[in-house]
Amino acid sequence: GPAGAAAARPARRASPRVRTLAVLAFLLMLCEGVANDWSALHLEDSLGAPAATAALAYGAFATAMTAGRFLADRVAARTGPVAVLRYGAALAAAGLALAVAAPGVPAALAGWTLFGAGLSGCVPQLFSAAGHTDPEAAGANVARVAGLGYLGMLAGPAVIGPLTRLVPLGPALLLPVACCAFAALAAGALRPQDPGRRTPAVSRRRPGAGAGR
């Protein structure tokens, strides 16, 4: 029956566009993971802030991230997903660079706030683009992008740890800065695909089908 045929149908391989979206999700969610585990330690270790003050770094990041998520859809509707990713990732890179270079706690907190605000709208645009790339495989594509993204979130804290054995924590945080900068440069991957690329095969079948009747 139809259900058996659907079950027997082999899963489609991810398209190059979906693979690109998955890599970007990995990089950006790696940055989120770094903020979750290392933002407070950055203020404590690099700037000598008391533990209670250092905890404000993650609070600033998380608050900006939450507020940005509420606004991201409205902004994307007005400016487009490419702009949200490009300028959001660029803002995140600049914010974290500010936090790393900050001479004191206030500037570092401002940097972590900008980092959260910039990242907030990026990943949802990647998930949305994955779902619209191929409507017939929307669930599988979103799962691929989300799966690699959450792997990045788990990997972020684990990657920074070994780096701190080679360099201080501040310079180690330049890795997520580079990830955000790369995502900003690759934002064009979110441009909608030309629907005409997939229609010729369908249009060629129609005349043949009519002739056979």
N, C-alpha and C. Protein backbone atom coordinates (compact mmCIF):
# COMPACT_ATOMS: atom_id res chain seq x y z
N GLY A 1 0.82 -1.18 0.00
CA GLY A 1 0.00 0.00 0.00
C GLY A 1 0.86 1.24 0.00
N PRO A 2 0.23 2.43 -0.02
CA PRO A 2 0.99 3.68 -0.05
C PRO A 2 1.92 3.84 1.15
N ALA A 3 1.42 3.41 2.32
CA ALA A 3 2.27 3.54 3.51
C ALA A 3 3.52 2.69 3.39
N GLY A 4 3.37 1.47 2.87
CA GLY A 4 4.53 0.60 2.70
C GLY A 4 5.49 1.15 1.67
N ALA A 5 4.94 1.73 0.62
CA ALA A 5 5.81 2.30 -0.40
C ALA A 5 6.59 3.49 0.15
N ALA A 6 5.91 4.32 0.98
CA ALA A 6 6.61 5.47 1.56
C ALA A 6 7.70 5.02 2.51
N ALA A 7 7.42 3.92 3.25
CA ALA A 7 8.43 3.44 4.19
C ALA A 7 9.62 2.85 3.46
N ALA A 8 9.36 2.24 2.29
CA ALA A 8 10.45 1.61 1.55
C ALA A 8 11.25 2.62 0.75
N ARG A 9 10.70 3.81 0.53
CA ARG A 9 11.40 4.81 -0.26
C ARG A 9 12.65 5.27 0.47
N PRO A 10 13.82 5.25 -0.16
CA PRO A 10 15.04 5.67 0.52
C PRO A 10 15.00 7.16 0.84
N ALA A 11 15.60 7.52 1.95
CA ALA A 11 15.65 8.92 2.35
C ALA A 11 16.53 9.71 1.39
N ARG A 12 16.11 10.93 1.09
CA ARG A 12 16.89 11.77 0.19
C ARG A 12 18.16 12.24 0.88
N ARG A 13 19.20 12.36 0.09
CA ARG A 13 20.43 12.92 0.63
C ARG A 13 20.25 14.43 0.78
N ALA A 14 20.91 14.98 1.75
CA ALA A 14 20.83 16.42 1.97
C ALA A 14 21.46 17.16 0.79
N SER A 15 20.80 18.20 0.35
CA SER A 15 21.33 19.01 -0.74
C SER A 15 22.50 19.85 -0.24
N PRO A 16 23.32 20.37 -1.17
CA PRO A 16 24.43 21.24 -0.74
C PRO A 16 23.95 22.42 0.09
N ARG A 17 22.79 22.98 -0.25
CA ARG A 17 22.27 24.11 0.51
C ARG A 17 21.96 23.70 1.95
N VAL A 18 21.32 22.55 2.13
CA VAL A 18 20.99 22.10 3.48
C VAL A 18 22.27 21.81 4.26
N ARG A 19 23.27 21.25 3.61
CA ARG A 19 24.54 21.00 4.31
C ARG A 19 25.18 22.31 4.74
N THR A 20 25.09 23.33 3.90
CA THR A 20 25.64 24.64 4.27
C THR A 20 24.89 25.22 5.46
N LEU A 21 23.57 25.12 5.43
CA LEU A 21 22.77 25.61 6.56
C LEU A 21 23.13 24.87 7.85
N ALA A 22 23.37 23.57 7.74
CA ALA A 22 23.73 22.78 8.92
C ALA A 22 25.07 23.22 9.49
N VAL A 23 26.04 23.49 8.62
CA VAL A 23 27.35 23.96 9.09
C VAL A 23 27.22 25.30 9.79
N LEU A 24 26.42 26.20 9.21
CA LEU A 24 26.22 27.50 9.85
C LEU A 24 25.53 27.35 11.20
N ALA A 25 24.55 26.45 11.27
CA ALA A 25 23.89 26.21 12.55
C ALA A 25 24.89 25.67 13.59
N PHE A 26 25.77 24.79 13.15
CA PHE A 26 26.80 24.25 14.05
C PHE A 26 27.66 25.38 14.60
N LEU A 27 28.12 26.26 13.73
CA LEU A 27 29.02 27.33 14.15
C LEU A 27 28.33 28.32 15.09
N LEU A 28 27.09 28.69 14.76
CA LEU A 28 26.41 29.70 15.56
C LEU A 28 25.94 29.13 16.90
N MET A 29 25.50 27.89 16.90
CA MET A 29 25.08 27.30 18.18
C MET A 29 26.29 26.92 19.03
N LEU A 30 27.44 26.69 18.39
CA LEU A 30 28.68 26.55 19.15
C LEU A 30 28.94 27.84 19.94
N CYS A 31 28.67 28.99 19.29
CA CYS A 31 28.85 30.27 19.97
C CYS A 31 27.91 30.40 21.16
N GLU A 32 26.66 29.94 20.99
CA GLU A 32 25.72 29.98 22.11
C GLU A 32 26.21 29.12 23.26
N GLY A 33 26.73 27.95 22.93
CA GLY A 33 27.25 27.07 23.97
C GLY A 33 28.42 27.69 24.71
N VAL A 34 29.27 28.39 23.98
CA VAL A 34 30.40 29.07 24.63
C VAL A 34 29.91 30.11 25.62
N ALA A 35 28.91 30.89 25.21
CA ALA A 35 28.37 31.91 26.11
C ALA A 35 27.75 31.29 27.36
N ASN A 36 27.06 30.18 27.17
CA ASN A 36 26.41 29.53 28.31
C ASN A 36 27.40 29.14 29.39
N ASP A 37 28.57 28.66 28.98
CA ASP A 37 29.51 28.10 29.95
C ASP A 37 30.68 29.01 30.31
N TRP A 38 31.01 29.96 29.42
CA TRP A 38 32.25 30.69 29.62
C TRP A 38 32.09 32.19 29.84
N SER A 39 30.89 32.73 29.67
CA SER A 39 30.73 34.19 29.79
C SER A 39 31.06 34.66 31.22
N ALA A 40 30.50 33.99 32.21
CA ALA A 40 30.77 34.38 33.59
C ALA A 40 32.24 34.16 33.95
N LEU A 41 32.80 33.05 33.49
CA LEU A 41 34.21 32.77 33.79
C LEU A 41 35.12 33.80 33.14
N HIS A 42 34.69 34.34 32.01
CA HIS A 42 35.51 35.36 31.35
C HIS A 42 35.65 36.59 32.23
N LEU A 43 34.54 37.08 32.80
CA LEU A 43 34.62 38.24 33.67
C LEU A 43 35.41 37.94 34.94
N GLU A 44 35.26 36.72 35.44
CA GLU A 44 35.93 36.36 36.69
C GLU A 44 37.43 36.18 36.48
N ASP A 45 37.80 35.45 35.43
CA ASP A 45 39.21 35.13 35.22
C ASP A 45 39.98 36.26 34.54
N SER A 46 39.38 36.88 33.53
CA SER A 46 40.11 37.88 32.75
C SER A 46 40.06 39.27 33.37
N LEU A 47 38.96 39.59 34.08
CA LEU A 47 38.80 40.94 34.61
C LEU A 47 38.79 40.98 36.13
N GLY A 48 38.87 39.81 36.77
CA GLY A 48 38.92 39.77 38.22
C GLY A 48 37.63 40.16 38.91
N ALA A 49 36.50 40.00 38.22
CA ALA A 49 35.22 40.37 38.81
C ALA A 49 34.81 39.34 39.86
N PRO A 50 34.14 39.79 40.93
CA PRO A 50 33.60 38.83 41.90
C PRO A 50 32.60 37.88 41.21
N ALA A 51 32.39 36.73 41.82
CA ALA A 51 31.53 35.72 41.20
C ALA A 51 30.12 36.26 40.96
N ALA A 52 29.58 37.02 41.91
CA ALA A 52 28.23 37.56 41.75
C ALA A 52 28.16 38.53 40.58
N THR A 53 29.18 39.35 40.40
CA THR A 53 29.21 40.29 39.28
C THR A 53 29.45 39.55 37.97
N ALA A 54 30.33 38.56 38.00
CA ALA A 54 30.62 37.80 36.78
C ALA A 54 29.39 37.10 36.25
N ALA A 55 28.50 36.68 37.13
CA ALA A 55 27.28 36.00 36.69
C ALA A 55 26.41 36.90 35.84
N LEU A 56 26.58 38.21 35.95
CA LEU A 56 25.78 39.14 35.16
C LEU A 56 26.08 39.01 33.67
N ALA A 57 27.25 38.49 33.33
CA ALA A 57 27.60 38.34 31.91
C ALA A 57 26.63 37.39 31.21
N TYR A 58 26.42 36.24 31.83
CA TYR A 58 25.46 35.31 31.22
C TYR A 58 24.05 35.87 31.28
N GLY A 59 23.71 36.56 32.37
CA GLY A 59 22.39 37.17 32.45
C GLY A 59 22.16 38.18 31.34
N ALA A 60 23.18 39.00 31.05
CA ALA A 60 23.06 39.98 29.98
C ALA A 60 22.92 39.30 28.63
N PHE A 61 23.72 38.27 28.40
CA PHE A 61 23.64 37.52 27.15
C PHE A 61 22.26 36.88 26.98
N ALA A 62 21.79 36.18 28.01
CA ALA A 62 20.53 35.45 27.91
C ALA A 62 19.35 36.40 27.75
N THR A 63 19.37 37.52 28.43
CA THR A 63 18.28 38.49 28.31
C THR A 63 18.21 39.06 26.91
N ALA A 64 19.37 39.43 26.37
CA ALA A 64 19.40 39.96 25.00
C ALA A 64 18.98 38.90 23.99
N MET A 65 19.39 37.66 24.22
CA MET A 65 19.01 36.57 23.33
C MET A 65 17.50 36.36 23.35
N THR A 66 16.91 36.36 24.53
CA THR A 66 15.47 36.14 24.64
C THR A 66 14.68 37.27 23.99
N ALA A 67 15.08 38.51 24.27
CA ALA A 67 14.39 39.65 23.68
C ALA A 67 14.52 39.64 22.15
N GLY A 68 15.70 39.31 21.68
CA GLY A 68 15.91 39.27 20.24
C GLY A 68 15.09 38.20 19.55
N ARG A 69 14.89 37.06 20.21
CA ARG A 69 14.10 35.98 19.61
C ARG A 69 12.65 36.43 19.40
N PHE A 70 12.14 37.24 20.33
CA PHE A 70 10.76 37.72 20.18
C PHE A 70 10.63 38.69 19.00
N LEU A 71 11.70 39.40 18.70
CA LEU A 71 11.66 40.41 17.63
C LEU A 71 12.14 39.88 16.29
N ALA A 72 12.79 38.72 16.28
CA ALA A 72 13.46 38.26 15.06
C ALA A 72 12.51 38.07 13.89
N ASP A 73 11.33 37.50 14.13
CA ASP A 73 10.41 37.25 13.03
C ASP A 73 9.94 38.56 12.39
N ARG A 74 9.67 39.56 13.22
CA ARG A 74 9.24 40.85 12.67
C ARG A 74 10.34 41.49 11.84
N VAL A 75 11.55 41.42 12.36
CA VAL A 75 12.68 42.00 11.63
C VAL A 75 12.90 41.25 10.32
N ALA A 76 12.82 39.93 10.36
CA ALA A 76 13.03 39.13 9.15
C ALA A 76 11.96 39.41 8.11
N ALA A 77 10.72 39.66 8.56
CA ALA A 77 9.64 39.95 7.63
C ALA A 77 9.88 41.27 6.90
N ARG A 78 10.57 42.20 7.56
CA ARG A 78 10.80 43.51 6.95
C ARG A 78 12.09 43.56 6.15
N THR A 79 13.12 42.91 6.63
CA THR A 79 14.45 43.03 6.01
C THR A 79 14.88 41.79 5.24
N GLY A 80 14.26 40.65 5.53
CA GLY A 80 14.66 39.40 4.89
C GLY A 80 15.62 38.61 5.75
N PRO A 81 15.62 37.28 5.61
CA PRO A 81 16.47 36.44 6.46
C PRO A 81 17.96 36.63 6.20
N VAL A 82 18.34 36.98 4.97
CA VAL A 82 19.76 37.19 4.69
C VAL A 82 20.31 38.34 5.54
N ALA A 83 19.56 39.42 5.60
CA ALA A 83 20.01 40.58 6.38
C ALA A 83 20.06 40.24 7.87
N VAL A 84 19.08 39.47 8.35
CA VAL A 84 19.08 39.10 9.77
C VAL A 84 20.33 38.31 10.10
N LEU A 85 20.68 37.34 9.25
CA LEU A 85 21.87 36.54 9.52
C LEU A 85 23.14 37.36 9.35
N ARG A 86 23.22 38.12 8.26
CA ARG A 86 24.45 38.87 7.99
C ARG A 86 24.75 39.89 9.08
N TYR A 87 23.77 40.73 9.37
CA TYR A 87 24.03 41.80 10.34
C TYR A 87 23.96 41.29 11.77
N GLY A 88 23.15 40.26 12.01
CA GLY A 88 23.11 39.69 13.35
C GLY A 88 24.42 39.01 13.71
N ALA A 89 24.96 38.21 12.79
CA ALA A 89 26.23 37.54 13.06
C ALA A 89 27.37 38.55 13.16
N ALA A 90 27.32 39.59 12.33
CA ALA A 90 28.36 40.63 12.41
C ALA A 90 28.29 41.36 13.75
N LEU A 91 27.06 41.65 14.22
CA LEU A 91 26.91 42.30 15.53
C LEU A 91 27.41 41.39 16.63
N ALA A 92 27.12 40.09 16.53
CA ALA A 92 27.60 39.14 17.54
C ALA A 92 29.13 39.10 17.56
N ALA A 93 29.75 39.08 16.38
CA ALA A 93 31.22 39.06 16.32
C ALA A 93 31.80 40.32 16.95
N ALA A 94 31.20 41.48 16.63
CA ALA A 94 31.69 42.73 17.19
C ALA A 94 31.48 42.77 18.70
N GLY A 95 30.33 42.26 19.15
CA GLY A 95 30.04 42.27 20.59
C GLY A 95 31.01 41.42 21.38
N LEU A 96 31.28 40.23 20.89
CA LEU A 96 32.20 39.36 21.63
C LEU A 96 33.63 39.89 21.55
N ALA A 97 34.00 40.48 20.41
CA ALA A 97 35.32 41.10 20.32
C ALA A 97 35.45 42.24 21.34
N LEU A 98 34.36 43.00 21.51
CA LEU A 98 34.36 44.05 22.52
C LEU A 98 34.54 43.46 23.91
N ALA A 99 33.83 42.38 24.19
CA ALA A 99 33.95 41.75 25.51
C ALA A 99 35.37 41.27 25.77
N VAL A 100 35.99 40.68 24.75
CA VAL A 100 37.37 40.17 24.90
C VAL A 100 38.35 41.31 25.15
N ALA A 101 38.15 42.43 24.44
CA ALA A 101 39.10 43.53 24.55
C ALA A 101 38.75 44.51 25.66
N ALA A 102 37.63 44.28 26.35
CA ALA A 102 37.14 45.24 27.34
C ALA A 102 38.14 45.44 28.47
N PRO A 103 38.40 46.69 28.84
CA PRO A 103 39.32 46.94 29.96
C PRO A 103 38.65 46.81 31.33
N GLY A 104 37.31 46.79 31.33
CA GLY A 104 36.61 46.70 32.60
C GLY A 104 35.29 45.97 32.46
N VAL A 105 34.63 45.77 33.58
CA VAL A 105 33.40 44.99 33.61
C VAL A 105 32.27 45.62 32.81
N PRO A 106 32.02 46.93 32.91
CA PRO A 106 30.89 47.49 32.16
C PRO A 106 30.99 47.27 30.66
N ALA A 107 32.16 47.48 30.10
CA ALA A 107 32.33 47.26 28.66
C ALA A 107 32.18 45.79 28.30
N ALA A 108 32.66 44.91 29.17
CA ALA A 108 32.51 43.47 28.91
C ALA A 108 31.04 43.07 28.93
N LEU A 109 30.28 43.60 29.89
CA LEU A 109 28.85 43.29 29.94
C LEU A 109 28.14 43.81 28.69
N ALA A 110 28.53 44.98 28.22
CA ALA A 110 27.95 45.50 26.99
C ALA A 110 28.27 44.58 25.81
N GLY A 111 29.49 44.07 25.79
CA GLY A 111 29.87 43.16 24.72
C GLY A 111 29.08 41.87 24.73
N TRP A 112 28.90 41.28 25.90
CA TRP A 112 28.12 40.05 25.99
C TRP A 112 26.65 40.30 25.64
N THR A 113 26.15 41.49 25.96
CA THR A 113 24.78 41.83 25.59
C THR A 113 24.63 41.89 24.07
N LEU A 114 25.57 42.56 23.42
CA LEU A 114 25.54 42.64 21.96
C LEU A 114 25.71 41.26 21.32
N PHE A 115 26.51 40.44 21.94
CA PHE A 115 26.71 39.07 21.44
C PHE A 115 25.38 38.32 21.43
N GLY A 116 24.63 38.40 22.53
CA GLY A 116 23.34 37.73 22.58
C GLY A 116 22.33 38.32 21.62
N ALA A 117 22.31 39.65 21.52
CA ALA A 117 21.36 40.30 20.62
C ALA A 117 21.65 39.91 19.17
N GLY A 118 22.92 39.87 18.81
CA GLY A 118 23.25 39.52 17.43
C GLY A 118 22.92 38.08 17.09
N LEU A 119 23.20 37.17 18.00
CA LEU A 119 22.94 35.76 17.74
C LEU A 119 21.46 35.41 17.73
N SER A 120 20.65 36.20 18.41
CA SER A 120 19.27 35.81 18.71
C SER A 120 18.45 35.43 17.49
N GLY A 121 18.60 36.17 16.40
CA GLY A 121 17.76 35.90 15.24
C GLY A 121 18.37 35.00 14.20
N CYS A 122 19.61 34.60 14.38
CA CYS A 122 20.33 33.89 13.31
C CYS A 122 19.85 32.45 13.13
N VAL A 123 19.87 31.67 14.21
CA VAL A 123 19.55 30.25 14.08
C VAL A 123 18.11 30.00 13.64
N PRO A 124 17.12 30.75 14.14
CA PRO A 124 15.76 30.52 13.62
C PRO A 124 15.64 30.70 12.11
N GLN A 125 16.42 31.61 11.54
CA GLN A 125 16.38 31.79 10.09
C GLN A 125 16.95 30.58 9.36
N LEU A 126 17.94 29.95 9.96
CA LEU A 126 18.51 28.74 9.36
C LEU A 126 17.51 27.60 9.38
N PHE A 127 16.81 27.43 10.50
CA PHE A 127 15.80 26.37 10.58
C PHE A 127 14.68 26.61 9.57
N SER A 128 14.25 27.86 9.47
CA SER A 128 13.17 28.19 8.52
C SER A 128 13.61 27.93 7.08
N ALA A 129 14.81 28.33 6.75
CA ALA A 129 15.31 28.10 5.39
C ALA A 129 15.42 26.61 5.08
N ALA A 130 15.84 25.82 6.07
CA ALA A 130 15.93 24.37 5.85
C ALA A 130 14.55 23.79 5.57
N GLY A 131 13.54 24.27 6.28
CA GLY A 131 12.20 23.74 6.07
C GLY A 131 11.61 24.10 4.73
N HIS A 132 12.05 25.23 4.15
CA HIS A 132 11.50 25.67 2.87
C HIS A 132 12.35 25.25 1.67
N THR A 133 13.50 24.64 1.92
CA THR A 133 14.36 24.26 0.80
C THR A 133 13.70 23.22 -0.09
N ASP A 134 13.09 22.21 0.51
CA ASP A 134 12.40 21.16 -0.23
C ASP A 134 11.17 20.76 0.58
N PRO A 135 9.97 21.24 0.19
CA PRO A 135 8.77 20.94 0.99
C PRO A 135 8.53 19.45 1.21
N GLU A 136 8.96 18.60 0.28
CA GLU A 136 8.73 17.17 0.42
C GLU A 136 9.65 16.53 1.46
N ALA A 137 10.72 17.22 1.81
CA ALA A 137 11.66 16.68 2.81
C ALA A 137 11.91 17.70 3.91
N ALA A 138 10.89 18.52 4.20
CA ALA A 138 11.07 19.61 5.17
C ALA A 138 11.48 19.09 6.54
N GLY A 139 10.78 18.05 7.03
CA GLY A 139 11.09 17.53 8.36
C GLY A 139 12.50 17.00 8.46
N ALA A 140 12.92 16.24 7.44
CA ALA A 140 14.27 15.67 7.45
C ALA A 140 15.32 16.77 7.39
N ASN A 141 15.08 17.81 6.58
CA ASN A 141 16.07 18.88 6.44
C ASN A 141 16.19 19.69 7.72
N VAL A 142 15.06 20.00 8.35
CA VAL A 142 15.12 20.73 9.62
C VAL A 142 15.84 19.89 10.68
N ALA A 143 15.58 18.58 10.68
CA ALA A 143 16.24 17.71 11.65
C ALA A 143 17.74 17.69 11.42
N ARG A 144 18.17 17.68 10.17
CA ARG A 144 19.61 17.69 9.88
C ARG A 144 20.26 18.96 10.39
N VAL A 145 19.64 20.10 10.09
CA VAL A 145 20.22 21.38 10.50
C VAL A 145 20.19 21.52 12.02
N ALA A 146 19.05 21.17 12.63
CA ALA A 146 18.95 21.28 14.09
C ALA A 146 19.88 20.31 14.78
N GLY A 147 20.01 19.10 14.25
CA GLY A 147 20.86 18.10 14.87
C GLY A 147 22.31 18.53 14.92
N LEU A 148 22.81 19.03 13.78
CA LEU A 148 24.20 19.49 13.77
C LEU A 148 24.36 20.75 14.61
N GLY A 149 23.30 21.58 14.63
CA GLY A 149 23.37 22.78 15.45
C GLY A 149 23.49 22.46 16.93
N TYR A 150 22.68 21.54 17.42
CA TYR A 150 22.75 21.19 18.84
C TYR A 150 24.05 20.46 19.17
N LEU A 151 24.62 19.77 18.20
CA LEU A 151 25.94 19.19 18.41
C LEU A 151 26.96 20.31 18.62
N GLY A 152 26.81 21.39 17.86
CA GLY A 152 27.69 22.53 18.04
C GLY A 152 27.55 23.16 19.41
N MET A 153 26.31 23.23 19.91
CA MET A 153 26.09 23.81 21.23
C MET A 153 26.80 22.99 22.31
N LEU A 154 26.80 21.67 22.14
CA LEU A 154 27.50 20.81 23.09
C LEU A 154 29.02 20.91 22.92
N ALA A 155 29.45 21.11 21.67
CA ALA A 155 30.89 21.12 21.40
C ALA A 155 31.55 22.42 21.83
N GLY A 156 30.80 23.53 21.80
CA GLY A 156 31.41 24.82 22.10
C GLY A 156 32.17 24.88 23.40
N PRO A 157 31.52 24.57 24.52
CA PRO A 157 32.26 24.61 25.79
C PRO A 157 33.45 23.66 25.83
N ALA A 158 33.29 22.50 25.19
CA ALA A 158 34.38 21.51 25.21
C ALA A 158 35.56 21.95 24.37
N VAL A 159 35.31 22.76 23.34
CA VAL A 159 36.41 23.22 22.48
C VAL A 159 37.23 24.31 23.19
N ILE A 160 36.54 25.21 23.88
CA ILE A 160 37.25 26.32 24.52
C ILE A 160 38.16 25.82 25.65
N GLY A 161 37.73 24.77 26.36
CA GLY A 161 38.53 24.25 27.46
C GLY A 161 39.96 23.91 27.07
N PRO A 162 40.15 23.04 26.07
CA PRO A 162 41.53 22.74 25.65
C PRO A 162 42.29 23.95 25.13
N LEU A 163 41.58 24.90 24.51
CA LEU A 163 42.27 26.09 23.99
C LEU A 163 42.87 26.91 25.13
N THR A 164 42.20 26.91 26.28
CA THR A 164 42.71 27.70 27.39
C THR A 164 44.01 27.13 27.98
N ARG A 165 44.35 25.90 27.57
CA ARG A 165 45.65 25.36 27.97
C ARG A 165 46.78 25.93 27.11
N LEU A 166 46.41 26.47 25.96
CA LEU A 166 47.40 27.03 25.03
C LEU A 166 47.47 28.54 25.11
N VAL A 167 46.31 29.18 25.30
CA VAL A 167 46.23 30.64 25.35
C VAL A 167 45.28 31.02 26.47
N PRO A 168 45.34 32.26 26.95
CA PRO A 168 44.37 32.70 27.95
C PRO A 168 42.94 32.64 27.42
N LEU A 169 41.98 32.74 28.32
CA LEU A 169 40.58 32.61 27.94
C LEU A 169 40.15 33.68 26.96
N GLY A 170 40.61 34.91 27.16
CA GLY A 170 40.22 35.99 26.25
C GLY A 170 40.54 35.67 24.80
N PRO A 171 41.81 35.39 24.47
CA PRO A 171 42.12 35.02 23.09
C PRO A 171 41.40 33.76 22.61
N ALA A 172 41.14 32.82 23.51
CA ALA A 172 40.42 31.62 23.10
C ALA A 172 39.01 31.95 22.63
N LEU A 173 38.42 33.01 23.18
CA LEU A 173 37.08 33.40 22.77
C LEU A 173 37.05 34.04 21.39
N LEU A 174 38.22 34.25 20.80
CA LEU A 174 38.24 34.74 19.42
C LEU A 174 37.78 33.66 18.44
N LEU A 175 37.75 32.40 18.87
CA LEU A 175 37.23 31.34 18.01
C LEU A 175 35.76 31.57 17.68
N PRO A 176 34.87 31.78 18.68
CA PRO A 176 33.49 32.10 18.31
C PRO A 176 33.35 33.42 17.56
N VAL A 177 34.25 34.37 17.78
CA VAL A 177 34.23 35.59 16.97
C VAL A 177 34.43 35.23 15.50
N ALA A 178 35.38 34.34 15.23
CA ALA A 178 35.63 33.92 13.85
C ALA A 178 34.43 33.15 13.28
N CYS A 179 33.78 32.34 14.11
CA CYS A 179 32.60 31.61 13.65
C CYS A 179 31.50 32.56 13.23
N CYS A 180 31.28 33.60 14.02
CA CYS A 180 30.24 34.58 13.68
C CYS A 180 30.61 35.35 12.41
N ALA A 181 31.87 35.71 12.29
CA ALA A 181 32.30 36.43 11.09
C ALA A 181 32.10 35.58 9.84
N PHE A 182 32.41 34.29 9.94
CA PHE A 182 32.20 33.39 8.80
C PHE A 182 30.72 33.31 8.45
N ALA A 183 29.87 33.20 9.47
CA ALA A 183 28.43 33.12 9.22
C ALA A 183 27.92 34.39 8.55
N ALA A 184 28.44 35.54 8.94
CA ALA A 184 28.04 36.79 8.30
C ALA A 184 28.41 36.80 6.83
N LEU A 185 29.60 36.30 6.52
CA LEU A 185 30.04 36.26 5.13
C LEU A 185 29.26 35.25 4.30
N ALA A 186 28.77 34.19 4.94
CA ALA A 186 28.04 33.13 4.23
C ALA A 186 26.54 33.31 4.27
N ALA A 187 26.06 34.49 4.67
CA ALA A 187 24.63 34.71 4.83
C ALA A 187 23.85 34.54 3.54
N GLY A 188 24.51 34.66 2.40
CA GLY A 188 23.83 34.50 1.13
C GLY A 188 23.22 33.12 0.94
N ALA A 189 23.65 32.15 1.75
CA ALA A 189 23.07 30.81 1.65
C ALA A 189 21.59 30.80 1.99
N LEU A 190 21.10 31.87 2.64
CA LEU A 190 19.68 31.94 3.00
C LEU A 190 18.81 32.50 1.88
N ARG A 191 19.43 32.95 0.80
CA ARG A 191 18.60 33.48 -0.29
C ARG A 191 17.68 32.39 -0.82
N PRO A 192 16.40 32.72 -1.06
CA PRO A 192 15.45 31.71 -1.57
C PRO A 192 15.93 31.15 -2.89
N GLN A 193 15.73 29.85 -3.06
CA GLN A 193 16.10 29.21 -4.30
C GLN A 193 15.17 29.62 -5.42
N ASP A 194 15.69 29.67 -6.64
CA ASP A 194 14.87 29.98 -7.81
C ASP A 194 13.95 28.80 -8.08
N PRO A 195 12.62 28.97 -7.95
CA PRO A 195 11.72 27.83 -8.17
C PRO A 195 11.77 27.29 -9.58
N GLY A 196 12.25 28.11 -10.51
CA GLY A 196 12.32 27.63 -11.89
C GLY A 196 13.32 26.52 -12.10
N ARG A 197 14.24 26.36 -11.12
CA ARG A 197 15.24 25.30 -11.28
C ARG A 197 14.64 23.92 -11.16
N ARG A 198 13.49 23.81 -10.47
CA ARG A 198 12.93 22.49 -10.23
C ARG A 198 11.69 22.20 -11.07
N THR A 199 11.25 23.20 -11.86
CA THR A 199 10.03 23.02 -12.62
C THR A 199 10.20 22.41 -14.00
N PRO A 200 11.37 22.58 -14.70
CA PRO A 200 11.44 22.04 -16.06
C PRO A 200 11.11 20.57 -16.16
N ALA A 201 11.59 19.76 -15.20
CA ALA A 201 11.32 18.33 -15.28
C ALA A 201 9.82 18.05 -15.23
N VAL A 202 9.09 18.83 -14.44
CA VAL A 202 7.65 18.63 -14.35
C VAL A 202 6.97 19.05 -15.63
N SER A 203 7.41 20.22 -16.17
CA SER A 203 6.75 20.71 -17.37
C SER A 203 7.01 19.81 -18.56
N ARG A 204 8.15 19.11 -18.57
CA ARG A 204 8.42 18.22 -19.70
C ARG A 204 7.53 16.99 -19.66
N ARG A 205 7.10 16.59 -18.44
CA ARG A 205 6.28 15.39 -18.35
C ARG A 205 4.83 15.65 -18.77
N ARG A 206 4.37 16.87 -18.64
CA ARG A 206 2.97 17.15 -18.90
C ARG A 206 2.55 16.89 -20.35
N PRO A 207 3.36 17.38 -21.35
CA PRO A 207 2.93 17.10 -22.74
C PRO A 207 2.87 15.60 -23.02
N GLY A 208 3.86 14.87 -22.51
CA GLY A 208 3.84 13.42 -22.76
C GLY A 208 2.65 12.75 -22.15
N ALA A 209 2.29 13.21 -20.95
CA ALA A 209 1.14 12.59 -20.29
C ALA A 209 -0.12 12.87 -21.07
N GLY A 210 -0.23 14.11 -21.63
CA GLY A 210 -1.44 14.42 -22.38
C GLY A 210 -1.52 13.65 -23.68
N ALA A 211 -0.35 13.40 -24.32
CA ALA A 211 -0.35 12.71 -25.60
C ALA A 211 -0.74 11.26 -25.46
N GLY A 212 -0.45 10.69 -24.27
CA GLY A 212 -0.75 9.28 -24.12
C GLY A 212 -2.20 9.00 -23.85
N ARG A 213 -3.00 10.04 -23.55
CA ARG A 213 -4.38 9.79 -23.22
C ARG A 213 -5.24 9.60 -24.45
